[in-house]
Amino acid sequence: METTISFDIDGTEPELGEPDENRRLSGTPVFRTWSLEEDDDDGLYAGIWEATPGKWRVVYTEWEYFHVLSGHSILTEDGGEPVHLKAGSRLVIRPGFRGTWEVVETTRKDYVIRV
């Protein structure tokens, strides 16, 4: 078992996805996810995620830390103020967060999720 994980995605094929149709609010965003760590026993996930422009509802049941590598997104908690996320932004989202994620410019982030 390796004890370190590199966030180098060269040679790694991304998984394609999109928000659930019932959560999509605008656009036709497409997700690309490079999963670098998937430990179901530990509930730990890490990788790189990218999304094209669009807006959808999000509900977090997990804890996530991320660092925006490029692009521009707006994360808005229900009843809260919009948070503009650009290259260099870092954020922790705790379980129970409900709101919207809007990708203004294709956004790429690295992430660590604990379920």
PDB file of N, CA and C in Angstrom:
ATOM      1  N   MET A   1       0.827  -1.177   0.000  1.00  0.00           N
ATOM      2  CA  MET A   1       0.000   0.000   0.000  1.00  0.00           C
ATOM      3  C   MET A   1       0.880   1.253   0.000  1.00  0.00           C
ATOM      4  N   GLU A   2       0.579   2.159  -0.918  1.00  0.00           N
ATOM      5  CA  GLU A   2       1.319   3.416  -0.951  1.00  0.00           C
ATOM      6  C   GLU A   2       0.879   4.300   0.207  1.00  0.00           C
ATOM      7  N   THR A   3       1.794   5.081   0.703  1.00  0.00           N
ATOM      8  CA  THR A   3       1.458   5.967   1.817  1.00  0.00           C
ATOM      9  C   THR A   3       1.411   7.434   1.398  1.00  0.00           C
ATOM     10  N   THR A   4       1.593   7.700   0.093  1.00  0.00           N
ATOM     11  CA  THR A   4       1.454   9.057  -0.435  1.00  0.00           C
ATOM     12  C   THR A   4       0.628   9.001  -1.711  1.00  0.00           C
ATOM     13  N   ILE A   5       0.023  10.116  -2.046  1.00  0.00           N
ATOM     14  CA  ILE A   5      -0.769  10.220  -3.278  1.00  0.00           C
ATOM     15  C   ILE A   5      -0.321  11.469  -4.016  1.00  0.00           C
ATOM     16  N   SER A   6       0.039  11.316  -5.266  1.00  0.00           N
ATOM     17  CA  SER A   6       0.399  12.451  -6.104  1.00  0.00           C
ATOM     18  C   SER A   6      -0.855  12.929  -6.825  1.00  0.00           C
ATOM     19  N   PHE A   7      -0.998  14.227  -6.959  1.00  0.00           N
ATOM     20  CA  PHE A   7      -2.137  14.782  -7.680  1.00  0.00           C
ATOM     21  C   PHE A   7      -1.799  14.997  -9.155  1.00  0.00           C
ATOM     22  N   ASP A   8      -0.897  14.186  -9.683  1.00  0.00           N
ATOM     23  CA  ASP A   8      -0.524  14.213 -11.091  1.00  0.00           C
ATOM     24  C   ASP A   8      -1.523  13.346 -11.850  1.00  0.00           C
ATOM     25  N   ILE A   9      -2.245  13.937 -12.808  1.00  0.00           N
ATOM     26  CA  ILE A   9      -3.278  13.185 -13.534  1.00  0.00           C
ATOM     27  C   ILE A   9      -2.836  12.753 -14.931  1.00  0.00           C
ATOM     28  N   ASP A  10      -1.574  13.010 -15.275  1.00  0.00           N
ATOM     29  CA  ASP A  10      -1.080  12.561 -16.580  1.00  0.00           C
ATOM     30  C   ASP A  10      -1.287  11.061 -16.725  1.00  0.00           C
ATOM     31  N   GLY A  11      -1.911  10.665 -17.812  1.00  0.00           N
ATOM     32  CA  GLY A  11      -2.143   9.242 -18.076  1.00  0.00           C
ATOM     33  C   GLY A  11      -3.363   8.674 -17.371  1.00  0.00           C
ATOM     34  N   THR A  12      -4.094   9.490 -16.611  1.00  0.00           N
ATOM     35  CA  THR A  12      -5.287   9.036 -15.908  1.00  0.00           C
ATOM     36  C   THR A  12      -6.520   9.497 -16.684  1.00  0.00           C
ATOM     37  N   GLU A  13      -7.418   8.585 -16.960  1.00  0.00           N
ATOM     38  CA  GLU A  13      -8.645   8.933 -17.671  1.00  0.00           C
ATOM     39  C   GLU A  13      -9.686   9.459 -16.694  1.00  0.00           C
ATOM     40  N   PRO A  14     -10.324  10.582 -17.030  1.00  0.00           N
ATOM     41  CA  PRO A  14     -11.358  11.111 -16.128  1.00  0.00           C
ATOM     42  C   PRO A  14     -12.680  10.377 -16.309  1.00  0.00           C
ATOM     43  N   GLU A  15     -13.467  10.384 -15.245  1.00  0.00           N
ATOM     44  CA  GLU A  15     -14.850   9.916 -15.323  1.00  0.00           C
ATOM     45  C   GLU A  15     -15.686  11.122 -15.738  1.00  0.00           C
ATOM     46  N   LEU A  16     -16.643  10.910 -16.642  1.00  0.00           N
ATOM     47  CA  LEU A  16     -17.517  11.998 -17.071  1.00  0.00           C
ATOM     48  C   LEU A  16     -18.816  11.943 -16.291  1.00  0.00           C
ATOM     49  N   GLY A  17     -19.397  13.101 -16.022  1.00  0.00           N
ATOM     50  CA  GLY A  17     -20.663  13.156 -15.296  1.00  0.00           C
ATOM     51  C   GLY A  17     -21.351  14.481 -15.521  1.00  0.00           C
ATOM     52  N   GLU A  18     -22.455  14.647 -14.836  1.00  0.00           N
ATOM     53  CA  GLU A  18     -23.235  15.879 -14.904  1.00  0.00           C
ATOM     54  C   GLU A  18     -24.142  15.917 -13.684  1.00  0.00           C
ATOM     55  N   PRO A  19     -24.663  17.098 -13.345  1.00  0.00           N
ATOM     56  CA  PRO A  19     -25.578  17.141 -12.207  1.00  0.00           C
ATOM     57  C   PRO A  19     -26.877  16.407 -12.541  1.00  0.00           C
ATOM     58  N   ASP A  20     -27.533  15.874 -11.510  1.00  0.00           N
ATOM     59  CA  ASP A  20     -28.832  15.243 -11.726  1.00  0.00           C
ATOM     60  C   ASP A  20     -29.756  16.248 -12.403  1.00  0.00           C
ATOM     61  N   GLU A  21     -30.541  15.762 -13.330  1.00  0.00           N
ATOM     62  CA  GLU A  21     -31.433  16.629 -14.098  1.00  0.00           C
ATOM     63  C   GLU A  21     -32.355  17.446 -13.191  1.00  0.00           C
ATOM     64  N   ASN A  22     -32.826  16.842 -12.108  1.00  0.00           N
ATOM     65  CA  ASN A  22     -33.746  17.550 -11.209  1.00  0.00           C
ATOM     66  C   ASN A  22     -33.045  18.604 -10.355  1.00  0.00           C
ATOM     67  N   ARG A  23     -31.710  18.656 -10.388  1.00  0.00           N
ATOM     68  CA  ARG A  23     -30.963  19.678  -9.635  1.00  0.00           C
ATOM     69  C   ARG A  23     -30.417  20.768 -10.545  1.00  0.00           C
ATOM     70  N   ARG A  24     -30.423  20.533 -11.846  1.00  0.00           N
ATOM     71  CA  ARG A  24     -29.863  21.493 -12.797  1.00  0.00           C
ATOM     72  C   ARG A  24     -30.762  22.715 -12.894  1.00  0.00           C
ATOM     73  N   LEU A  25     -30.162  23.901 -12.780  1.00  0.00           N
ATOM     74  CA  LEU A  25     -30.923  25.150 -12.850  1.00  0.00           C
ATOM     75  C   LEU A  25     -30.690  25.893 -14.158  1.00  0.00           C
ATOM     76  N   SER A  26     -29.484  25.780 -14.726  1.00  0.00           N
ATOM     77  CA  SER A  26     -29.207  26.411 -16.013  1.00  0.00           C
ATOM     78  C   SER A  26     -27.991  25.770 -16.663  1.00  0.00           C
ATOM     79  N   GLY A  27     -27.923  25.906 -17.979  1.00  0.00           N
ATOM     80  CA  GLY A  27     -26.796  25.377 -18.737  1.00  0.00           C
ATOM     81  C   GLY A  27     -26.818  23.865 -18.831  1.00  0.00           C
ATOM     82  N   THR A  28     -25.756  23.337 -19.405  1.00  0.00           N
ATOM     83  CA  THR A  28     -25.584  21.883 -19.533  1.00  0.00           C
ATOM     84  C   THR A  28     -24.171  21.527 -19.067  1.00  0.00           C
ATOM     85  N   PRO A  29     -23.906  21.718 -17.786  1.00  0.00           N
ATOM     86  CA  PRO A  29     -22.553  21.472 -17.289  1.00  0.00           C
ATOM     87  C   PRO A  29     -22.138  20.007 -17.427  1.00  0.00           C
ATOM     88  N   VAL A  30     -20.863  19.834 -17.710  1.00  0.00           N
ATOM     89  CA  VAL A  30     -20.260  18.506 -17.802  1.00  0.00           C
ATOM     90  C   VAL A  30     -19.131  18.448 -16.782  1.00  0.00           C
ATOM     91  N   PHE A  31     -19.094  17.353 -16.028  1.00  0.00           N
ATOM     92  CA  PHE A  31     -18.044  17.150 -15.031  1.00  0.00           C
ATOM     93  C   PHE A  31     -17.006  16.176 -15.575  1.00  0.00           C
ATOM     94  N   ARG A  32     -15.760  16.435 -15.222  1.00  0.00           N
ATOM     95  CA  ARG A  32     -14.674  15.470 -15.429  1.00  0.00           C
ATOM     96  C   ARG A  32     -14.011  15.293 -14.080  1.00  0.00           C
ATOM     97  N   THR A  33     -13.901  14.037 -13.632  1.00  0.00           N
ATOM     98  CA  THR A  33     -13.317  13.747 -12.325  1.00  0.00           C
ATOM     99  C   THR A  33     -12.190  12.735 -12.484  1.00  0.00           C
ATOM    100  N   TRP A  34     -11.028  13.112 -11.985  1.00  0.00           N
ATOM    101  CA  TRP A  34      -9.889  12.214 -11.934  1.00  0.00           C
ATOM    102  C   TRP A  34      -9.790  11.728 -10.494  1.00  0.00           C
ATOM    103  N   SER A  35     -10.257  10.538 -10.221  1.00  0.00           N
ATOM    104  CA  SER A  35     -10.230   9.985  -8.862  1.00  0.00           C
ATOM    105  C   SER A  35      -8.844   9.427  -8.580  1.00  0.00           C
ATOM    106  N   LEU A  36      -8.209   9.951  -7.552  1.00  0.00           N
ATOM    107  CA  LEU A  36      -6.853   9.536  -7.197  1.00  0.00           C
ATOM    108  C   LEU A  36      -6.825   8.711  -5.925  1.00  0.00           C
ATOM    109  N   GLU A  37      -7.868   8.829  -5.129  1.00  0.00           N
ATOM    110  CA  GLU A  37      -7.990   8.053  -3.886  1.00  0.00           C
ATOM    111  C   GLU A  37      -9.463   7.755  -3.674  1.00  0.00           C
ATOM    112  N   GLU A  38      -9.778   6.486  -3.565  1.00  0.00           N
ATOM    113  CA  GLU A  38     -11.144   6.056  -3.262  1.00  0.00           C
ATOM    114  C   GLU A  38     -11.044   4.937  -2.238  1.00  0.00           C
ATOM    115  N   ASP A  39     -11.196   5.275  -0.988  1.00  0.00           N
ATOM    116  CA  ASP A  39     -11.089   4.292   0.079  1.00  0.00           C
ATOM    117  C   ASP A  39     -12.436   4.165   0.771  1.00  0.00           C
ATOM    118  N   ASP A  40     -13.255   3.242   0.284  1.00  0.00           N
ATOM    119  CA  ASP A  40     -14.589   3.056   0.848  1.00  0.00           C
ATOM    120  C   ASP A  40     -14.533   2.671   2.324  1.00  0.00           C
ATOM    121  N   ASP A  41     -13.510   1.928   2.724  1.00  0.00           N
ATOM    122  CA  ASP A  41     -13.395   1.520   4.133  1.00  0.00           C
ATOM    123  C   ASP A  41     -13.176   2.726   5.034  1.00  0.00           C
ATOM    124  N   ASP A  42     -12.372   3.681   4.562  1.00  0.00           N
ATOM    125  CA  ASP A  42     -12.058   4.882   5.335  1.00  0.00           C
ATOM    126  C   ASP A  42     -13.026   6.029   5.063  1.00  0.00           C
ATOM    127  N   GLY A  43     -13.765   5.950   3.942  1.00  0.00           N
ATOM    128  CA  GLY A  43     -14.643   7.039   3.549  1.00  0.00           C
ATOM    129  C   GLY A  43     -13.871   8.258   3.071  1.00  0.00           C
ATOM    130  N   LEU A  44     -12.681   8.022   2.501  1.00  0.00           N
ATOM    131  CA  LEU A  44     -11.821   9.105   2.044  1.00  0.00           C
ATOM    132  C   LEU A  44     -11.722   9.076   0.525  1.00  0.00           C
ATOM    133  N   TYR A  45     -11.897  10.239  -0.074  1.00  0.00           N
ATOM    134  CA  TYR A  45     -11.825  10.370  -1.525  1.00  0.00           C
ATOM    135  C   TYR A  45     -10.997  11.607  -1.844  1.00  0.00           C
ATOM    136  N   ALA A  46     -10.180  11.539  -2.885  1.00  0.00           N
ATOM    137  CA  ALA A  46      -9.367  12.682  -3.292  1.00  0.00           C
ATOM    138  C   ALA A  46      -9.169  12.626  -4.794  1.00  0.00           C
ATOM    139  N   GLY A  47      -9.011  13.792  -5.389  1.00  0.00           N
ATOM    140  CA  GLY A  47      -8.779  13.843  -6.815  1.00  0.00           C
ATOM    141  C   GLY A  47      -8.881  15.248  -7.347  1.00  0.00           C
ATOM    142  N   ILE A  48      -9.123  15.317  -8.645  1.00  0.00           N
ATOM    143  CA  ILE A  48      -9.280  16.587  -9.335  1.00  0.00           C
ATOM    144  C   ILE A  48     -10.616  16.553 -10.059  1.00  0.00           C
ATOM    145  N   TRP A  49     -11.353  17.642  -9.961  1.00  0.00           N
ATOM    146  CA  TRP A  49     -12.697  17.767 -10.543  1.00  0.00           C
ATOM    147  C   TRP A  49     -12.725  19.019 -11.401  1.00  0.00           C
ATOM    148  N   GLU A  50     -13.412  18.912 -12.527  1.00  0.00           N
ATOM    149  CA  GLU A  50     -13.556  20.039 -13.433  1.00  0.00           C
ATOM    150  C   GLU A  50     -15.000  20.085 -13.919  1.00  0.00           C
ATOM    151  N   ALA A  51     -15.539  21.290 -14.066  1.00  0.00           N
ATOM    152  CA  ALA A  51     -16.903  21.449 -14.558  1.00  0.00           C
ATOM    153  C   ALA A  51     -16.966  22.595 -15.554  1.00  0.00           C
ATOM    154  N   THR A  52     -17.816  22.420 -16.581  1.00  0.00           N
ATOM    155  CA  THR A  52     -18.064  23.471 -17.558  1.00  0.00           C
ATOM    156  C   THR A  52     -19.237  24.321 -17.068  1.00  0.00           C
ATOM    157  N   PRO A  53     -19.465  25.485 -17.670  1.00  0.00           N
ATOM    158  CA  PRO A  53     -20.477  26.415 -17.172  1.00  0.00           C
ATOM    159  C   PRO A  53     -21.891  25.837 -17.043  1.00  0.00           C
ATOM    160  N   GLY A  54     -22.549  26.291 -15.980  1.00  0.00           N
ATOM    161  CA  GLY A  54     -23.916  25.920 -15.663  1.00  0.00           C
ATOM    162  C   GLY A  54     -24.157  26.159 -14.186  1.00  0.00           C
ATOM    163  N   LYS A  55     -25.378  25.895 -13.753  1.00  0.00           N
ATOM    164  CA  LYS A  55     -25.735  26.106 -12.348  1.00  0.00           C
ATOM    165  C   LYS A  55     -26.638  24.976 -11.889  1.00  0.00           C
ATOM    166  N   TRP A  56     -26.405  24.486 -10.652  1.00  0.00           N
ATOM    167  CA  TRP A  56     -27.199  23.395 -10.107  1.00  0.00           C
ATOM    168  C   TRP A  56     -27.265  23.499  -8.594  1.00  0.00           C
ATOM    169  N   ARG A  57     -28.242  22.828  -8.021  1.00  0.00           N
ATOM    170  CA  ARG A  57     -28.398  22.766  -6.559  1.00  0.00           C
ATOM    171  C   ARG A  57     -27.432  21.728  -6.009  1.00  0.00           C
ATOM    172  N   VAL A  58     -26.873  22.025  -4.834  1.00  0.00           N
ATOM    173  CA  VAL A  58     -25.982  21.082  -4.155  1.00  0.00           C
ATOM    174  C   VAL A  58     -26.463  20.858  -2.730  1.00  0.00           C
ATOM    175  N   VAL A  59     -26.274  19.637  -2.268  1.00  0.00           N
ATOM    176  CA  VAL A  59     -26.562  19.259  -0.889  1.00  0.00           C
ATOM    177  C   VAL A  59     -25.391  18.402  -0.437  1.00  0.00           C
ATOM    178  N   TYR A  60     -24.676  18.856   0.590  1.00  0.00           N
ATOM    179  CA  TYR A  60     -23.507  18.124   1.067  1.00  0.00           C
ATOM    180  C   TYR A  60     -23.861  17.303   2.302  1.00  0.00           C
ATOM    181  N   THR A  61     -23.589  16.015   2.223  1.00  0.00           N
ATOM    182  CA  THR A  61     -23.724  15.133   3.385  1.00  0.00           C
ATOM    183  C   THR A  61     -22.341  14.736   3.891  1.00  0.00           C
ATOM    184  N   GLU A  62     -21.314  15.183   3.178  1.00  0.00           N
ATOM    185  CA  GLU A  62     -19.934  14.858   3.502  1.00  0.00           C
ATOM    186  C   GLU A  62     -19.160  16.140   3.796  1.00  0.00           C
ATOM    187  N   TRP A  63     -17.940  15.972   4.276  1.00  0.00           N
ATOM    188  CA  TRP A  63     -17.015  17.064   4.536  1.00  0.00           C
ATOM    189  C   TRP A  63     -16.074  17.143   3.350  1.00  0.00           C
ATOM    190  N   GLU A  64     -15.834  18.353   2.825  1.00  0.00           N
ATOM    191  CA  GLU A  64     -14.924  18.500   1.684  1.00  0.00           C
ATOM    192  C   GLU A  64     -14.023  19.712   1.862  1.00  0.00           C
ATOM    193  N   TYR A  65     -12.741  19.505   1.562  1.00  0.00           N
ATOM    194  CA  TYR A  65     -11.777  20.590   1.426  1.00  0.00           C
ATOM    195  C   TYR A  65     -11.413  20.643  -0.046  1.00  0.00           C
ATOM    196  N   PHE A  66     -11.350  21.861  -0.615  1.00  0.00           N
ATOM    197  CA  PHE A  66     -10.874  21.962  -1.991  1.00  0.00           C
ATOM    198  C   PHE A  66     -10.068  23.236  -2.200  1.00  0.00           C
ATOM    199  N   HIS A  67      -9.300  23.195  -3.284  1.00  0.00           N
ATOM    200  CA  HIS A  67      -8.453  24.303  -3.711  1.00  0.00           C
ATOM    201  C   HIS A  67      -8.729  24.503  -5.193  1.00  0.00           C
ATOM    202  N   VAL A  68      -9.200  25.691  -5.562  1.00  0.00           N
ATOM    203  CA  VAL A  68      -9.501  25.983  -6.965  1.00  0.00           C
ATOM    204  C   VAL A  68      -8.201  26.227  -7.715  1.00  0.00           C
ATOM    205  N   LEU A  69      -8.026  25.483  -8.809  1.00  0.00           N
ATOM    206  CA  LEU A  69      -6.815  25.584  -9.615  1.00  0.00           C
ATOM    207  C   LEU A  69      -6.979  26.576 -10.759  1.00  0.00           C
ATOM    208  N   SER A  70      -8.215  26.663 -11.309  1.00  0.00           N
ATOM    209  CA  SER A  70      -8.473  27.576 -12.424  1.00  0.00           C
ATOM    210  C   SER A  70      -9.973  27.782 -12.560  1.00  0.00           C
ATOM    211  N   GLY A  71     -10.330  28.863 -13.261  1.00  0.00           N
ATOM    212  CA  GLY A  71     -11.729  29.137 -13.550  1.00  0.00           C
ATOM    213  C   GLY A  71     -12.379  30.077 -12.555  1.00  0.00           C
ATOM    214  N   HIS A  72     -13.708  30.132 -12.642  1.00  0.00           N
ATOM    215  CA  HIS A  72     -14.502  30.999 -11.771  1.00  0.00           C
ATOM    216  C   HIS A  72     -15.838  30.331 -11.520  1.00  0.00           C
ATOM    217  N   SER A  73     -16.150  30.111 -10.259  1.00  0.00           N
ATOM    218  CA  SER A  73     -17.438  29.559  -9.836  1.00  0.00           C
ATOM    219  C   SER A  73     -17.991  30.422  -8.713  1.00  0.00           C
ATOM    220  N   ILE A  74     -19.293  30.295  -8.496  1.00  0.00           N
ATOM    221  CA  ILE A  74     -19.953  31.003  -7.400  1.00  0.00           C
ATOM    222  C   ILE A  74     -20.715  29.966  -6.581  1.00  0.00           C
ATOM    223  N   LEU A  75     -20.376  29.869  -5.320  1.00  0.00           N
ATOM    224  CA  LEU A  75     -21.035  28.958  -4.392  1.00  0.00           C
ATOM    225  C   LEU A  75     -21.895  29.802  -3.458  1.00  0.00           C
ATOM    226  N   THR A  76     -23.181  29.468  -3.385  1.00  0.00           N
ATOM    227  CA  THR A  76     -24.097  30.256  -2.560  1.00  0.00           C
ATOM    228  C   THR A  76     -24.889  29.333  -1.657  1.00  0.00           C
ATOM    229  N   GLU A  77     -24.721  29.509  -0.349  1.00  0.00           N
ATOM    230  CA  GLU A  77     -25.505  28.734   0.611  1.00  0.00           C
ATOM    231  C   GLU A  77     -26.904  29.323   0.686  1.00  0.00           C
ATOM    232  N   ASP A  78     -27.911  28.474   0.812  1.00  0.00           N
ATOM    233  CA  ASP A  78     -29.282  28.958   0.945  1.00  0.00           C
ATOM    234  C   ASP A  78     -29.328  30.001   2.051  1.00  0.00           C
ATOM    235  N   GLY A  79     -29.831  31.184   1.742  1.00  0.00           N
ATOM    236  CA  GLY A  79     -29.934  32.260   2.716  1.00  0.00           C
ATOM    237  C   GLY A  79     -28.638  33.006   2.960  1.00  0.00           C
ATOM    238  N   GLY A  80     -27.566  32.649   2.242  1.00  0.00           N
ATOM    239  CA  GLY A  80     -26.265  33.274   2.463  1.00  0.00           C
ATOM    240  C   GLY A  80     -25.820  34.123   1.290  1.00  0.00           C
ATOM    241  N   GLU A  81     -24.656  34.690   1.434  1.00  0.00           N
ATOM    242  CA  GLU A  81     -24.056  35.524   0.400  1.00  0.00           C
ATOM    243  C   GLU A  81     -23.247  34.661  -0.566  1.00  0.00           C
ATOM    244  N   PRO A  82     -23.191  35.038  -1.847  1.00  0.00           N
ATOM    245  CA  PRO A  82     -22.387  34.296  -2.823  1.00  0.00           C
ATOM    246  C   PRO A  82     -20.897  34.360  -2.470  1.00  0.00           C
ATOM    247  N   VAL A  83     -20.209  33.259  -2.689  1.00  0.00           N
ATOM    248  CA  VAL A  83     -18.759  33.188  -2.507  1.00  0.00           C
ATOM    249  C   VAL A  83     -18.154  32.942  -3.878  1.00  0.00           C
ATOM    250  N   HIS A  84     -17.364  33.899  -4.358  1.00  0.00           N
ATOM    251  CA  HIS A  84     -16.718  33.758  -5.665  1.00  0.00           C
ATOM    252  C   HIS A  84     -15.441  32.951  -5.486  1.00  0.00           C
ATOM    253  N   LEU A  85     -15.334  31.903  -6.254  1.00  0.00           N
ATOM    254  CA  LEU A  85     -14.198  30.993  -6.183  1.00  0.00           C
ATOM    255  C   LEU A  85     -13.368  31.133  -7.455  1.00  0.00           C
ATOM    256  N   LYS A  86     -12.107  31.472  -7.283  1.00  0.00           N
ATOM    257  CA  LYS A  86     -11.191  31.620  -8.411  1.00  0.00           C
ATOM    258  C   LYS A  86      -9.880  30.939  -8.052  1.00  0.00           C
ATOM    259  N   ALA A  87      -8.968  30.877  -9.016  1.00  0.00           N
ATOM    260  CA  ALA A  87      -7.681  30.225  -8.782  1.00  0.00           C
ATOM    261  C   ALA A  87      -7.077  30.711  -7.471  1.00  0.00           C
ATOM    262  N   GLY A  88      -6.727  29.767  -6.610  1.00  0.00           N
ATOM    263  CA  GLY A  88      -6.144  30.077  -5.311  1.00  0.00           C
ATOM    264  C   GLY A  88      -7.141  30.007  -4.169  1.00  0.00           C
ATOM    265  N   SER A  89      -8.446  30.028  -4.480  1.00  0.00           N
ATOM    266  CA  SER A  89      -9.464  29.928  -3.418  1.00  0.00           C
ATOM    267  C   SER A  89      -9.385  28.560  -2.766  1.00  0.00           C
ATOM    268  N   ARG A  90      -9.538  28.554  -1.444  1.00  0.00           N
ATOM    269  CA  ARG A  90      -9.580  27.312  -0.675  1.00  0.00           C
ATOM    270  C   ARG A  90     -10.794  27.375   0.227  1.00  0.00           C
ATOM    271  N   LEU A  91     -11.455  26.239   0.392  1.00  0.00           N
ATOM    272  CA  LEU A  91     -12.682  26.248   1.178  1.00  0.00           C
ATOM    273  C   LEU A  91     -12.915  24.881   1.795  1.00  0.00           C
ATOM    274  N   VAL A  92     -13.545  24.870   2.953  1.00  0.00           N
ATOM    275  CA  VAL A  92     -14.054  23.646   3.561  1.00  0.00           C
ATOM    276  C   VAL A  92     -15.569  23.767   3.562  1.00  0.00           C
ATOM    277  N   ILE A  93     -16.230  22.739   3.083  1.00  0.00           N
ATOM    278  CA  ILE A  93     -17.690  22.666   3.130  1.00  0.00           C
ATOM    279  C   ILE A  93     -18.037  21.540   4.091  1.00  0.00           C
ATOM    280  N   ARG A  94     -18.873  21.861   5.067  1.00  0.00           N
ATOM    281  CA  ARG A  94     -19.253  20.872   6.073  1.00  0.00           C
ATOM    282  C   ARG A  94     -20.575  20.209   5.698  1.00  0.00           C
ATOM    283  N   PRO A  95     -20.810  19.018   6.255  1.00  0.00           N
ATOM    284  CA  PRO A  95     -22.088  18.349   6.024  1.00  0.00           C
ATOM    285  C   PRO A  95     -23.247  19.266   6.426  1.00  0.00           C
ATOM    286  N   GLY A  96     -24.304  19.222   5.630  1.00  0.00           N
ATOM    287  CA  GLY A  96     -25.477  20.041   5.894  1.00  0.00           C
ATOM    288  C   GLY A  96     -25.568  21.265   5.002  1.00  0.00           C
ATOM    289  N   PHE A  97     -24.485  21.560   4.264  1.00  0.00           N
ATOM    290  CA  PHE A  97     -24.514  22.701   3.345  1.00  0.00           C
ATOM    291  C   PHE A  97     -25.545  22.442   2.253  1.00  0.00           C
ATOM    292  N   ARG A  98     -26.397  23.433   2.005  1.00  0.00           N
ATOM    293  CA  ARG A  98     -27.388  23.373   0.930  1.00  0.00           C
ATOM    294  C   ARG A  98     -27.335  24.701   0.180  1.00  0.00           C
ATOM    295  N   GLY A  99     -27.337  24.636  -1.130  1.00  0.00           N
ATOM    296  CA  GLY A  99     -27.288  25.867  -1.903  1.00  0.00           C
ATOM    297  C   GLY A  99     -27.134  25.591  -3.378  1.00  0.00           C
ATOM    298  N   THR A 100     -26.386  26.491  -4.042  1.00  0.00           N
ATOM    299  CA  THR A 100     -26.161  26.338  -5.479  1.00  0.00           C
ATOM    300  C   THR A 100     -24.677  26.469  -5.792  1.00  0.00           C
ATOM    301  N   TRP A 101     -24.284  25.786  -6.847  1.00  0.00           N
ATOM    302  CA  TRP A 101     -22.940  25.909  -7.408  1.00  0.00           C
ATOM    303  C   TRP A 101     -23.137  26.388  -8.835  1.00  0.00           C
ATOM    304  N   GLU A 102     -22.524  27.518  -9.160  1.00  0.00           N
ATOM    305  CA  GLU A 102     -22.604  28.051 -10.514  1.00  0.00           C
ATOM    306  C   GLU A 102     -21.198  28.173 -11.075  1.00  0.00           C
ATOM    307  N   VAL A 103     -20.972  27.531 -12.208  1.00  0.00           N
ATOM    308  CA  VAL A 103     -19.690  27.650 -12.899  1.00  0.00           C
ATOM    309  C   VAL A 103     -19.849  28.745 -13.948  1.00  0.00           C
ATOM    310  N   VAL A 104     -19.116  29.833 -13.763  1.00  0.00           N
ATOM    311  CA  VAL A 104     -19.144  30.958 -14.692  1.00  0.00           C
ATOM    312  C   VAL A 104     -18.135  30.706 -15.814  1.00  0.00           C
ATOM    313  N   GLU A 105     -16.962  30.224 -15.432  1.00  0.00           N
ATOM    314  CA  GLU A 105     -15.882  29.880 -16.358  1.00  0.00           C
ATOM    315  C   GLU A 105     -15.387  28.499 -15.945  1.00  0.00           C
ATOM    316  N   THR A 106     -15.199  27.609 -16.901  1.00  0.00           N
ATOM    317  CA  THR A 106     -14.786  26.240 -16.585  1.00  0.00           C
ATOM    318  C   THR A 106     -13.832  26.250 -15.394  1.00  0.00           C
ATOM    319  N   THR A 107     -14.200  25.475 -14.375  1.00  0.00           N
ATOM    320  CA  THR A 107     -13.487  25.471 -13.103  1.00  0.00           C
ATOM    321  C   THR A 107     -12.855  24.111 -12.842  1.00  0.00           C
ATOM    322  N   ARG A 108     -11.616  24.143 -12.363  1.00  0.00           N
ATOM    323  CA  ARG A 108     -10.919  22.924 -11.962  1.00  0.00           C
ATOM    324  C   ARG A 108     -10.455  23.097 -10.522  1.00  0.00           C
ATOM    325  N   LYS A 109     -10.658  22.050  -9.724  1.00  0.00           N
ATOM    326  CA  LYS A 109     -10.231  22.087  -8.321  1.00  0.00           C
ATOM    327  C   LYS A 109      -9.656  20.734  -7.944  1.00  0.00           C
ATOM    328  N   ASP A 110      -8.761  20.733  -6.948  1.00  0.00           N
ATOM    329  CA  ASP A 110      -8.411  19.466  -6.336  1.00  0.00           C
ATOM    330  C   ASP A 110      -9.202  19.384  -5.032  1.00  0.00           C
ATOM    331  N   TYR A 111      -9.463  18.179  -4.572  1.00  0.00           N
ATOM    332  CA  TYR A 111     -10.356  18.012  -3.425  1.00  0.00           C
ATOM    333  C   TYR A 111      -9.958  16.818  -2.581  1.00  0.00           C
ATOM    334  N   VAL A 112     -10.379  16.877  -1.321  1.00  0.00           N
ATOM    335  CA  VAL A 112     -10.319  15.753  -0.396  1.00  0.00           C
ATOM    336  C   VAL A 112     -11.677  15.710   0.288  1.00  0.00           C
ATOM    337  N   ILE A 113     -12.323  14.556   0.229  1.00  0.00           N
ATOM    338  CA  ILE A 113     -13.662  14.383   0.806  1.00  0.00           C
ATOM    339  C   ILE A 113     -13.609  13.290   1.866  1.00  0.00           C
ATOM    340  N   ARG A 114     -14.262  13.559   2.985  1.00  0.00           N
ATOM    341  CA  ARG A 114     -14.420  12.555   4.047  1.00  0.00           C
ATOM    342  C   ARG A 114     -15.910  12.330   4.210  1.00  0.00           C
ATOM    343  N   VAL A 115     -16.321  11.088   3.991  1.00  0.00           N
ATOM    344  CA  VAL A 115     -17.746  10.747   4.115  1.00  0.00           C
ATOM    345  C   VAL A 115     -18.047  10.358   5.539  1.00  0.00           C
TER     346      VAL A 115
END
